Amino acid sequence: METVSDITIAFEEEGEAVVEELDKVVIQKGVWAVVLFRYQERSRKTGEFMAPKAAMRRYQKFKGEYRKRDSVNISKDSAKILVDVLGKWLEEGLLGDAPDGDV
């Protein structure tokens, strides 16, 4: 993964998709990249894809390639809290502009 656009959460085993990426939003670019994913995993029991999930991952560019450093899975309840709190903070002017290099 040499560029942020190359980063994916999709994963295959023996030619079969195990994790399918449904959407991706790059939140921050640069030496440290932050990417929000919507994805679904295949059930090992049924072979069917399960309900979509969300995860935010942080990558560090090292020797020309991005490597995953941190990951946070976001549940439906956590997503609601994040949307509510960040929306409130934005309305109240409690968040400033992003530093240089951030989207």
PDB file of N, CA and C in Angstrom:
ATOM      1  N   MET A   1       0.844  -1.180   0.000  1.00  0.00           N
ATOM      2  CA  MET A   1       0.000   0.000   0.000  1.00  0.00           C
ATOM      3  C   MET A   1       0.887   1.239   0.000  1.00  0.00           C
ATOM      4  N   GLU A   2       1.104   1.780  -1.157  1.00  0.00           N
ATOM      5  CA  GLU A   2       1.994   2.926  -1.280  1.00  0.00           C
ATOM      6  C   GLU A   2       1.261   4.251  -1.158  1.00  0.00           C
ATOM      7  N   THR A   3      -0.035   4.282  -1.495  1.00  0.00           N
ATOM      8  CA  THR A   3      -0.825   5.508  -1.374  1.00  0.00           C
ATOM      9  C   THR A   3      -2.052   5.241  -0.509  1.00  0.00           C
ATOM     10  N   VAL A   4      -2.646   6.312  -0.004  1.00  0.00           N
ATOM     11  CA  VAL A   4      -3.838   6.176   0.827  1.00  0.00           C
ATOM     12  C   VAL A   4      -4.955   5.487   0.044  1.00  0.00           C
ATOM     13  N   SER A   5      -5.055   5.759  -1.241  1.00  0.00           N
ATOM     14  CA  SER A   5      -6.111   5.136  -2.043  1.00  0.00           C
ATOM     15  C   SER A   5      -5.923   3.623  -2.179  1.00  0.00           C
ATOM     16  N   ASP A   6      -4.712   3.123  -1.948  1.00  0.00           N
ATOM     17  CA  ASP A   6      -4.453   1.677  -1.993  1.00  0.00           C
ATOM     18  C   ASP A   6      -4.929   0.952  -0.741  1.00  0.00           C
ATOM     19  N   ILE A   7      -5.149   1.674   0.337  1.00  0.00           N
ATOM     20  CA  ILE A   7      -5.522   1.067   1.607  1.00  0.00           C
ATOM     21  C   ILE A   7      -6.929   0.477   1.495  1.00  0.00           C
ATOM     22  N   THR A   8      -7.078  -0.761   1.963  1.00  0.00           N
ATOM     23  CA  THR A   8      -8.377  -1.419   1.956  1.00  0.00           C
ATOM     24  C   THR A   8      -8.520  -2.305   3.181  1.00  0.00           C
ATOM     25  N   ILE A   9      -9.748  -2.591   3.535  1.00  0.00           N
ATOM     26  CA  ILE A   9     -10.038  -3.514   4.629  1.00  0.00           C
ATOM     27  C   ILE A   9     -10.400  -4.883   4.059  1.00  0.00           C
ATOM     28  N   ALA A  10     -10.600  -4.954   2.745  1.00  0.00           N
ATOM     29  CA  ALA A  10     -10.984  -6.199   2.080  1.00  0.00           C
ATOM     30  C   ALA A  10      -9.912  -7.264   2.303  1.00  0.00           C
ATOM     31  N   PHE A  11     -10.384  -8.505   2.452  1.00  0.00           N
ATOM     32  CA  PHE A  11      -9.467  -9.604   2.744  1.00  0.00           C
ATOM     33  C   PHE A  11     -10.002 -10.886   2.123  1.00  0.00           C
ATOM     34  N   GLU A  12      -9.117 -11.667   1.535  1.00  0.00           N
ATOM     35  CA  GLU A  12      -9.491 -12.951   0.928  1.00  0.00           C
ATOM     36  C   GLU A  12      -8.666 -14.073   1.530  1.00  0.00           C
ATOM     37  N   GLU A  13      -9.274 -15.252   1.573  1.00  0.00           N
ATOM     38  CA  GLU A  13      -8.574 -16.474   1.947  1.00  0.00           C
ATOM     39  C   GLU A  13      -8.861 -17.501   0.866  1.00  0.00           C
ATOM     40  N   GLU A  14      -7.825 -18.067   0.304  1.00  0.00           N
ATOM     41  CA  GLU A  14      -7.958 -19.079  -0.743  1.00  0.00           C
ATOM     42  C   GLU A  14      -8.874 -18.617  -1.878  1.00  0.00           C
ATOM     43  N   GLY A  15      -8.750 -17.339  -2.251  1.00  0.00           N
ATOM     44  CA  GLY A  15      -9.509 -16.782  -3.360  1.00  0.00           C
ATOM     45  C   GLY A  15     -10.944 -16.416  -3.049  1.00  0.00           C
ATOM     46  N   GLU A  16     -11.376 -16.592  -1.797  1.00  0.00           N
ATOM     47  CA  GLU A  16     -12.749 -16.253  -1.414  1.00  0.00           C
ATOM     48  C   GLU A  16     -12.737 -15.041  -0.479  1.00  0.00           C
ATOM     49  N   ALA A  17     -13.632 -14.084  -0.767  1.00  0.00           N
ATOM     50  CA  ALA A  17     -13.715 -12.884   0.062  1.00  0.00           C
ATOM     51  C   ALA A  17     -14.176 -13.248   1.476  1.00  0.00           C
ATOM     52  N   VAL A  18     -13.396 -12.820   2.457  1.00  0.00           N
ATOM     53  CA  VAL A  18     -13.741 -13.023   3.863  1.00  0.00           C
ATOM     54  C   VAL A  18     -14.277 -11.714   4.437  1.00  0.00           C
ATOM     55  N   VAL A  19     -13.663 -10.605   4.031  1.00  0.00           N
ATOM     56  CA  VAL A  19     -14.096  -9.264   4.418  1.00  0.00           C
ATOM     57  C   VAL A  19     -14.265  -8.467   3.133  1.00  0.00           C
ATOM     58  N   GLU A  20     -15.444  -7.881   2.982  1.00  0.00           N
ATOM     59  CA  GLU A  20     -15.751  -7.095   1.785  1.00  0.00           C
ATOM     60  C   GLU A  20     -15.899  -5.622   2.169  1.00  0.00           C
ATOM     61  N   GLU A  21     -15.132  -4.759   1.515  1.00  0.00           N
ATOM     62  CA  GLU A  21     -15.215  -3.319   1.764  1.00  0.00           C
ATOM     63  C   GLU A  21     -16.430  -2.753   1.025  1.00  0.00           C
ATOM     64  N   LEU A  22     -17.303  -2.055   1.760  1.00  0.00           N
ATOM     65  CA  LEU A  22     -18.498  -1.460   1.176  1.00  0.00           C
ATOM     66  C   LEU A  22     -18.324   0.025   0.908  1.00  0.00           C
ATOM     67  N   ASP A  23     -17.526   0.682   1.738  1.00  0.00           N
ATOM     68  CA  ASP A  23     -17.286   2.118   1.569  1.00  0.00           C
ATOM     69  C   ASP A  23     -16.037   2.483   2.346  1.00  0.00           C
ATOM     70  N   LYS A  24     -15.417   3.580   1.937  1.00  0.00           N
ATOM     71  CA  LYS A  24     -14.183   4.045   2.589  1.00  0.00           C
ATOM     72  C   LYS A  24     -14.149   5.559   2.507  1.00  0.00           C
ATOM     73  N   VAL A  25     -13.805   6.199   3.632  1.00  0.00           N
ATOM     74  CA  VAL A  25     -13.642   7.647   3.678  1.00  0.00           C
ATOM     75  C   VAL A  25     -12.285   7.938   4.308  1.00  0.00           C
ATOM     76  N   VAL A  26     -11.447   8.665   3.582  1.00  0.00           N
ATOM     77  CA  VAL A  26     -10.142   9.057   4.113  1.00  0.00           C
ATOM     78  C   VAL A  26     -10.353  10.309   4.960  1.00  0.00           C
ATOM     79  N   ILE A  27     -10.068  10.194   6.240  1.00  0.00           N
ATOM     80  CA  ILE A  27     -10.266  11.298   7.175  1.00  0.00           C
ATOM     81  C   ILE A  27      -9.011  12.160   7.268  1.00  0.00           C
ATOM     82  N   GLN A  28      -7.861  11.522   7.193  1.00  0.00           N
ATOM     83  CA  GLN A  28      -6.596  12.246   7.304  1.00  0.00           C
ATOM     84  C   GLN A  28      -5.573  11.608   6.373  1.00  0.00           C
ATOM     85  N   LYS A  29      -4.808  12.458   5.675  1.00  0.00           N
ATOM     86  CA  LYS A  29      -3.748  11.990   4.779  1.00  0.00           C
ATOM     87  C   LYS A  29      -2.401  12.428   5.328  1.00  0.00           C
ATOM     88  N   GLY A  30      -1.367  11.844   4.815  1.00  0.00           N
ATOM     89  CA  GLY A  30      -0.018  12.237   5.217  1.00  0.00           C
ATOM     90  C   GLY A  30       0.747  11.034   5.703  1.00  0.00           C
ATOM     91  N   VAL A  31       1.795  11.286   6.504  1.00  0.00           N
ATOM     92  CA  VAL A  31       2.589  10.195   7.057  1.00  0.00           C
ATOM     93  C   VAL A  31       1.702   9.302   7.917  1.00  0.00           C
ATOM     94  N   TRP A  32       0.773   9.922   8.635  1.00  0.00           N
ATOM     95  CA  TRP A  32      -0.242   9.188   9.385  1.00  0.00           C
ATOM     96  C   TRP A  32      -1.564   9.370   8.657  1.00  0.00           C
ATOM     97  N   ALA A  33      -2.185   8.273   8.257  1.00  0.00           N
ATOM     98  CA  ALA A  33      -3.467   8.319   7.560  1.00  0.00           C
ATOM     99  C   ALA A  33      -4.539   7.703   8.456  1.00  0.00           C
ATOM    100  N   VAL A  34      -5.735   8.292   8.427  1.00  0.00           N
ATOM    101  CA  VAL A  34      -6.878   7.757   9.168  1.00  0.00           C
ATOM    102  C   VAL A  34      -7.978   7.485   8.152  1.00  0.00           C
ATOM    103  N   VAL A  35      -8.504   6.258   8.181  1.00  0.00           N
ATOM    104  CA  VAL A  35      -9.507   5.838   7.211  1.00  0.00           C
ATOM    105  C   VAL A  35     -10.691   5.223   7.949  1.00  0.00           C
ATOM    106  N   LEU A  36     -11.895   5.640   7.549  1.00  0.00           N
ATOM    107  CA  LEU A  36     -13.132   5.082   8.087  1.00  0.00           C
ATOM    108  C   LEU A  36     -13.678   4.109   7.055  1.00  0.00           C
ATOM    109  N   PHE A  37     -13.949   2.882   7.484  1.00  0.00           N
ATOM    110  CA  PHE A  37     -14.457   1.844   6.593  1.00  0.00           C
ATOM    111  C   PHE A  37     -15.860   1.401   6.988  1.00  0.00           C
ATOM    112  N   ARG A  38     -16.667   1.071   5.985  1.00  0.00           N
ATOM    113  CA  ARG A  38     -17.899   0.305   6.183  1.00  0.00           C
ATOM    114  C   ARG A  38     -17.643  -1.000   5.453  1.00  0.00           C
ATOM    115  N   TYR A  39     -17.863  -2.117   6.150  1.00  0.00           N
ATOM    116  CA  TYR A  39     -17.495  -3.415   5.593  1.00  0.00           C
ATOM    117  C   TYR A  39     -18.424  -4.504   6.123  1.00  0.00           C
ATOM    118  N   GLN A  40     -18.317  -5.674   5.531  1.00  0.00           N
ATOM    119  CA  GLN A  40     -19.038  -6.818   6.075  1.00  0.00           C
ATOM    120  C   GLN A  40     -18.141  -8.043   6.025  1.00  0.00           C
ATOM    121  N   GLU A  41     -18.375  -8.927   6.993  1.00  0.00           N
ATOM    122  CA  GLU A  41     -17.582 -10.149   7.099  1.00  0.00           C
ATOM    123  C   GLU A  41     -18.444 -11.349   6.726  1.00  0.00           C
ATOM    124  N   ARG A  42     -17.800 -12.346   6.154  1.00  0.00           N
ATOM    125  CA  ARG A  42     -18.493 -13.591   5.814  1.00  0.00           C
ATOM    126  C   ARG A  42     -18.527 -14.487   7.047  1.00  0.00           C
ATOM    127  N   SER A  43     -19.684 -15.024   7.365  1.00  0.00           N
ATOM    128  CA  SER A  43     -19.840 -15.954   8.479  1.00  0.00           C
ATOM    129  C   SER A  43     -19.144 -17.264   8.141  1.00  0.00           C
ATOM    130  N   ARG A  44     -18.335 -17.754   9.050  1.00  0.00           N
ATOM    131  CA  ARG A  44     -17.656 -19.030   8.830  1.00  0.00           C
ATOM    132  C   ARG A  44     -18.654 -20.192   8.883  1.00  0.00           C
ATOM    133  N   LYS A  45     -19.754 -20.005   9.637  1.00  0.00           N
ATOM    134  CA  LYS A  45     -20.758 -21.072   9.771  1.00  0.00           C
ATOM    135  C   LYS A  45     -21.642 -21.185   8.534  1.00  0.00           C
ATOM    136  N   THR A  46     -22.184 -20.044   8.079  1.00  0.00           N
ATOM    137  CA  THR A  46     -23.173 -20.074   6.992  1.00  0.00           C
ATOM    138  C   THR A  46     -22.576 -19.755   5.628  1.00  0.00           C
ATOM    139  N   GLY A  47     -21.440 -19.083   5.606  1.00  0.00           N
ATOM    140  CA  GLY A  47     -20.850 -18.665   4.345  1.00  0.00           C
ATOM    141  C   GLY A  47     -21.468 -17.398   3.782  1.00  0.00           C
ATOM    142  N   GLU A  48     -22.490 -16.874   4.451  1.00  0.00           N
ATOM    143  CA  GLU A  48     -23.166 -15.649   4.018  1.00  0.00           C
ATOM    144  C   GLU A  48     -22.509 -14.439   4.673  1.00  0.00           C
ATOM    145  N   PHE A  49     -22.617 -13.280   4.000  1.00  0.00           N
ATOM    146  CA  PHE A  49     -22.100 -12.054   4.605  1.00  0.00           C
ATOM    147  C   PHE A  49     -23.049 -11.581   5.694  1.00  0.00           C
ATOM    148  N   MET A  50     -22.472 -11.141   6.796  1.00  0.00           N
ATOM    149  CA  MET A  50     -23.240 -10.639   7.940  1.00  0.00           C
ATOM    150  C   MET A  50     -23.545  -9.159   7.750  1.00  0.00           C
ATOM    151  N   ALA A  51     -24.246  -8.584   8.714  1.00  0.00           N
ATOM    152  CA  ALA A  51     -24.630  -7.174   8.668  1.00  0.00           C
ATOM    153  C   ALA A  51     -23.386  -6.287   8.592  1.00  0.00           C
ATOM    154  N   PRO A  52     -23.488  -5.146   7.896  1.00  0.00           N
ATOM    155  CA  PRO A  52     -22.347  -4.231   7.784  1.00  0.00           C
ATOM    156  C   PRO A  52     -21.869  -3.719   9.144  1.00  0.00           C
ATOM    157  N   LYS A  53     -20.581  -3.449   9.191  1.00  0.00           N
ATOM    158  CA  LYS A  53     -19.929  -2.900  10.387  1.00  0.00           C
ATOM    159  C   LYS A  53     -19.128  -1.671   9.979  1.00  0.00           C
ATOM    160  N   ALA A  54     -18.619  -0.960  10.971  1.00  0.00           N
ATOM    161  CA  ALA A  54     -17.767   0.210  10.719  1.00  0.00           C
ATOM    162  C   ALA A  54     -16.496   0.082  11.553  1.00  0.00           C
ATOM    163  N   ALA A  55     -15.400   0.582  10.992  1.00  0.00           N
ATOM    164  CA  ALA A  55     -14.127   0.597  11.715  1.00  0.00           C
ATOM    165  C   ALA A  55     -13.322   1.805  11.258  1.00  0.00           C
ATOM    166  N   MET A  56     -12.589   2.370  12.196  1.00  0.00           N
ATOM    167  CA  MET A  56     -11.672   3.458  11.880  1.00  0.00           C
ATOM    168  C   MET A  56     -10.268   2.911  12.132  1.00  0.00           C
ATOM    169  N   ARG A  57      -9.410   3.068  11.131  1.00  0.00           N
ATOM    170  CA  ARG A  57      -8.049   2.554  11.238  1.00  0.00           C
ATOM    171  C   ARG A  57      -7.049   3.663  10.966  1.00  0.00           C
ATOM    172  N   ARG A  58      -5.924   3.571  11.677  1.00  0.00           N
ATOM    173  CA  ARG A  58      -4.851   4.542  11.523  1.00  0.00           C
ATOM    174  C   ARG A  58      -3.637   3.811  10.958  1.00  0.00           C
ATOM    175  N   TYR A  59      -3.038   4.412   9.945  1.00  0.00           N
ATOM    176  CA  TYR A  59      -1.895   3.826   9.252  1.00  0.00           C
ATOM    177  C   TYR A  59      -0.723   4.788   9.309  1.00  0.00           C
ATOM    178  N   GLN A  60       0.485   4.225   9.372  1.00  0.00           N
ATOM    179  CA  GLN A  60       1.710   5.020   9.334  1.00  0.00           C
ATOM    180  C   GLN A  60       2.494   4.641   8.093  1.00  0.00           C
ATOM    181  N   LYS A  61       2.961   5.654   7.359  1.00  0.00           N
ATOM    182  CA  LYS A  61       3.785   5.384   6.188  1.00  0.00           C
ATOM    183  C   LYS A  61       5.212   5.153   6.670  1.00  0.00           C
ATOM    184  N   PHE A  62       5.746   3.982   6.327  1.00  0.00           N
ATOM    185  CA  PHE A  62       7.070   3.583   6.770  1.00  0.00           C
ATOM    186  C   PHE A  62       7.786   2.937   5.589  1.00  0.00           C
ATOM    187  N   LYS A  63       8.925   3.481   5.222  1.00  0.00           N
ATOM    188  CA  LYS A  63       9.701   2.989   4.078  1.00  0.00           C
ATOM    189  C   LYS A  63       8.837   2.905   2.819  1.00  0.00           C
ATOM    190  N   GLY A  64       8.016   3.937   2.618  1.00  0.00           N
ATOM    191  CA  GLY A  64       7.231   4.053   1.396  1.00  0.00           C
ATOM    192  C   GLY A  64       5.920   3.294   1.371  1.00  0.00           C
ATOM    193  N   GLU A  65       5.579   2.585   2.449  1.00  0.00           N
ATOM    194  CA  GLU A  65       4.332   1.819   2.483  1.00  0.00           C
ATOM    195  C   GLU A  65       3.559   2.112   3.765  1.00  0.00           C
ATOM    196  N   TYR A  66       2.215   2.100   3.650  1.00  0.00           N
ATOM    197  CA  TYR A  66       1.361   2.288   4.813  1.00  0.00           C
ATOM    198  C   TYR A  66       1.211   0.977   5.564  1.00  0.00           C
ATOM    199  N   ARG A  67       1.317   1.055   6.890  1.00  0.00           N
ATOM    200  CA  ARG A  67       1.135  -0.105   7.767  1.00  0.00           C
ATOM    201  C   ARG A  67       0.105   0.241   8.831  1.00  0.00           C
ATOM    202  N   LYS A  68      -0.805  -0.680   9.085  1.00  0.00           N
ATOM    203  CA  LYS A  68      -1.840  -0.448  10.092  1.00  0.00           C
ATOM    204  C   LYS A  68      -1.203  -0.375  11.470  1.00  0.00           C
ATOM    205  N   ARG A  69      -1.567   0.664  12.220  1.00  0.00           N
ATOM    206  CA  ARG A  69      -1.041   0.841  13.575  1.00  0.00           C
ATOM    207  C   ARG A  69      -2.129   0.717  14.637  1.00  0.00           C
ATOM    208  N   ASP A  70      -3.314   1.247  14.359  1.00  0.00           N
ATOM    209  CA  ASP A  70      -4.407   1.223  15.336  1.00  0.00           C
ATOM    210  C   ASP A  70      -5.716   0.957  14.625  1.00  0.00           C
ATOM    211  N   SER A  71      -6.658   0.368  15.352  1.00  0.00           N
ATOM    212  CA  SER A  71      -7.968   0.100  14.783  1.00  0.00           C
ATOM    213  C   SER A  71      -9.023   0.217  15.876  1.00  0.00           C
ATOM    214  N   VAL A  72     -10.155   0.837  15.523  1.00  0.00           N
ATOM    215  CA  VAL A  72     -11.290   0.943  16.446  1.00  0.00           C
ATOM    216  C   VAL A  72     -12.527   0.484  15.697  1.00  0.00           C
ATOM    217  N   ASN A  73     -13.168  -0.571  16.199  1.00  0.00           N
ATOM    218  CA  ASN A  73     -14.435  -1.006  15.635  1.00  0.00           C
ATOM    219  C   ASN A  73     -15.536  -0.151  16.241  1.00  0.00           C
ATOM    220  N   ILE A  74     -16.481   0.273  15.406  1.00  0.00           N
ATOM    221  CA  ILE A  74     -17.522   1.196  15.844  1.00  0.00           C
ATOM    222  C   ILE A  74     -18.870   0.489  15.768  1.00  0.00           C
ATOM    223  N   SER A  75     -19.483   0.285  16.939  1.00  0.00           N
ATOM    224  CA  SER A  75     -20.799  -0.353  16.991  1.00  0.00           C
ATOM    225  C   SER A  75     -21.877   0.657  16.601  1.00  0.00           C
ATOM    226  N   LYS A  76     -23.076   0.159  16.390  1.00  0.00           N
ATOM    227  CA  LYS A  76     -24.204   1.026  16.048  1.00  0.00           C
ATOM    228  C   LYS A  76     -24.432   2.062  17.158  1.00  0.00           C
ATOM    229  N   ASP A  77     -24.389   1.616  18.414  1.00  0.00           N
ATOM    230  CA  ASP A  77     -24.585   2.526  19.552  1.00  0.00           C
ATOM    231  C   ASP A  77     -23.470   3.562  19.639  1.00  0.00           C
ATOM    232  N   SER A  78     -22.224   3.128  19.439  1.00  0.00           N
ATOM    233  CA  SER A  78     -21.092   4.062  19.477  1.00  0.00           C
ATOM    234  C   SER A  78     -21.192   5.083  18.354  1.00  0.00           C
ATOM    235  N   ALA A  79     -21.628   4.637  17.165  1.00  0.00           N
ATOM    236  CA  ALA A  79     -21.765   5.547  16.022  1.00  0.00           C
ATOM    237  C   ALA A  79     -22.782   6.645  16.341  1.00  0.00           C
ATOM    238  N   LYS A  80     -23.890   6.282  16.970  1.00  0.00           N
ATOM    239  CA  LYS A  80     -24.914   7.269  17.330  1.00  0.00           C
ATOM    240  C   LYS A  80     -24.348   8.302  18.305  1.00  0.00           C
ATOM    241  N   ILE A  81     -23.591   7.831  19.287  1.00  0.00           N
ATOM    242  CA  ILE A  81     -22.984   8.744  20.269  1.00  0.00           C
ATOM    243  C   ILE A  81     -22.000   9.681  19.568  1.00  0.00           C
ATOM    244  N   LEU A  82     -21.139   9.143  18.701  1.00  0.00           N
ATOM    245  CA  LEU A  82     -20.169   9.974  17.975  1.00  0.00           C
ATOM    246  C   LEU A  82     -20.863  11.046  17.144  1.00  0.00           C
ATOM    247  N   VAL A  83     -21.897  10.662  16.416  1.00  0.00           N
ATOM    248  CA  VAL A  83     -22.627  11.619  15.583  1.00  0.00           C
ATOM    249  C   VAL A  83     -23.248  12.711  16.450  1.00  0.00           C
ATOM    250  N   ASP A  84     -23.890  12.316  17.545  1.00  0.00           N
ATOM    251  CA  ASP A  84     -24.541  13.295  18.422  1.00  0.00           C
ATOM    252  C   ASP A  84     -23.535  14.256  19.056  1.00  0.00           C
ATOM    253  N   VAL A  85     -22.476  13.714  19.623  1.00  0.00           N
ATOM    254  CA  VAL A  85     -21.499  14.541  20.331  1.00  0.00           C
ATOM    255  C   VAL A  85     -20.732  15.447  19.371  1.00  0.00           C
ATOM    256  N   LEU A  86     -20.243  14.889  18.253  1.00  0.00           N
ATOM    257  CA  LEU A  86     -19.503  15.713  17.301  1.00  0.00           C
ATOM    258  C   LEU A  86     -20.402  16.789  16.691  1.00  0.00           C
ATOM    259  N   GLY A  87     -21.654  16.441  16.400  1.00  0.00           N
ATOM    260  CA  GLY A  87     -22.606  17.435  15.888  1.00  0.00           C
ATOM    261  C   GLY A  87     -22.810  18.567  16.877  1.00  0.00           C
ATOM    262  N   LYS A  88     -22.954  18.228  18.136  1.00  0.00           N
ATOM    263  CA  LYS A  88     -23.137  19.242  19.192  1.00  0.00           C
ATOM    264  C   LYS A  88     -21.897  20.138  19.298  1.00  0.00           C
ATOM    265  N   TRP A  89     -20.724  19.526  19.314  1.00  0.00           N
ATOM    266  CA  TRP A  89     -19.488  20.295  19.416  1.00  0.00           C
ATOM    267  C   TRP A  89     -19.323  21.236  18.231  1.00  0.00           C
ATOM    268  N   LEU A  90     -19.668  20.760  17.040  1.00  0.00           N
ATOM    269  CA  LEU A  90     -19.571  21.611  15.849  1.00  0.00           C
ATOM    270  C   LEU A  90     -20.539  22.788  15.933  1.00  0.00           C
ATOM    271  N   GLU A  91     -21.779  22.509  16.327  1.00  0.00           N
ATOM    272  CA  GLU A  91     -22.778  23.580  16.457  1.00  0.00           C
ATOM    273  C   GLU A  91     -22.355  24.629  17.468  1.00  0.00           C
ATOM    274  N   GLU A  92     -21.711  24.200  18.523  1.00  0.00           N
ATOM    275  CA  GLU A  92     -21.300  25.108  19.596  1.00  0.00           C
ATOM    276  C   GLU A  92     -19.933  25.760  19.318  1.00  0.00           C
ATOM    277  N   GLY A  93     -19.324  25.435  18.173  1.00  0.00           N
ATOM    278  CA  GLY A  93     -18.033  26.021  17.830  1.00  0.00           C
ATOM    279  C   GLY A  93     -16.896  25.538  18.709  1.00  0.00           C
ATOM    280  N   LEU A  94     -17.021  24.323  19.229  1.00  0.00           N
ATOM    281  CA  LEU A  94     -16.020  23.805  20.155  1.00  0.00           C
ATOM    282  C   LEU A  94     -14.904  23.021  19.471  1.00  0.00           C
ATOM    283  N   LEU A  95     -14.960  22.931  18.140  1.00  0.00           N
ATOM    284  CA  LEU A  95     -13.886  22.284  17.389  1.00  0.00           C
ATOM    285  C   LEU A  95     -13.258  23.307  16.460  1.00  0.00           C
ATOM    286  N   GLY A  96     -11.933  23.324  16.416  1.00  0.00           N
ATOM    287  CA  GLY A  96     -11.234  24.265  15.546  1.00  0.00           C
ATOM    288  C   GLY A  96     -10.973  23.663  14.181  1.00  0.00           C
ATOM    289  N   ASP A  97     -10.222  24.373  13.371  1.00  0.00           N
ATOM    290  CA  ASP A  97      -9.847  23.898  12.047  1.00  0.00           C
ATOM    291  C   ASP A  97      -8.832  22.766  12.190  1.00  0.00           C
ATOM    292  N   ALA A  98      -8.768  21.900  11.151  1.00  0.00           N
ATOM    293  CA  ALA A  98      -7.802  20.797  11.137  1.00  0.00           C
ATOM    294  C   ALA A  98      -6.408  21.359  10.883  1.00  0.00           C
ATOM    295  N   PRO A  99      -5.398  20.765  11.531  1.00  0.00           N
ATOM    296  CA  PRO A  99      -4.017  21.185  11.273  1.00  0.00           C
ATOM    297  C   PRO A  99      -3.626  20.866   9.831  1.00  0.00           C
ATOM    298  N   ASP A 100      -2.541  21.482   9.348  1.00  0.00           N
ATOM    299  CA  ASP A 100      -2.051  21.237   7.986  1.00  0.00           C
ATOM    300  C   ASP A 100      -1.884  19.724   7.750  1.00  0.00           C
ATOM    301  N   GLY A 101      -2.293  19.281   6.563  1.00  0.00           N
ATOM    302  CA  GLY A 101      -2.141  17.883   6.206  1.00  0.00           C
ATOM    303  C   GLY A 101      -3.379  17.063   6.483  1.00  0.00           C
ATOM    304  N   ASP A 102      -4.282  17.565   7.312  1.00  0.00           N
ATOM    305  CA  ASP A 102      -5.513  16.839   7.609  1.00  0.00           C
ATOM    306  C   ASP A 102      -6.596  17.238   6.633  1.00  0.00           C
ATOM    307  N   VAL A 103      -7.486  16.301   6.356  1.00  0.00           N
ATOM    308  CA  VAL A 103      -8.600  16.564   5.454  1.00  0.00           C
ATOM    309  C   VAL A 103      -9.708  17.237   6.221  1.00  0.00           C
TER     310      VAL A 103
END
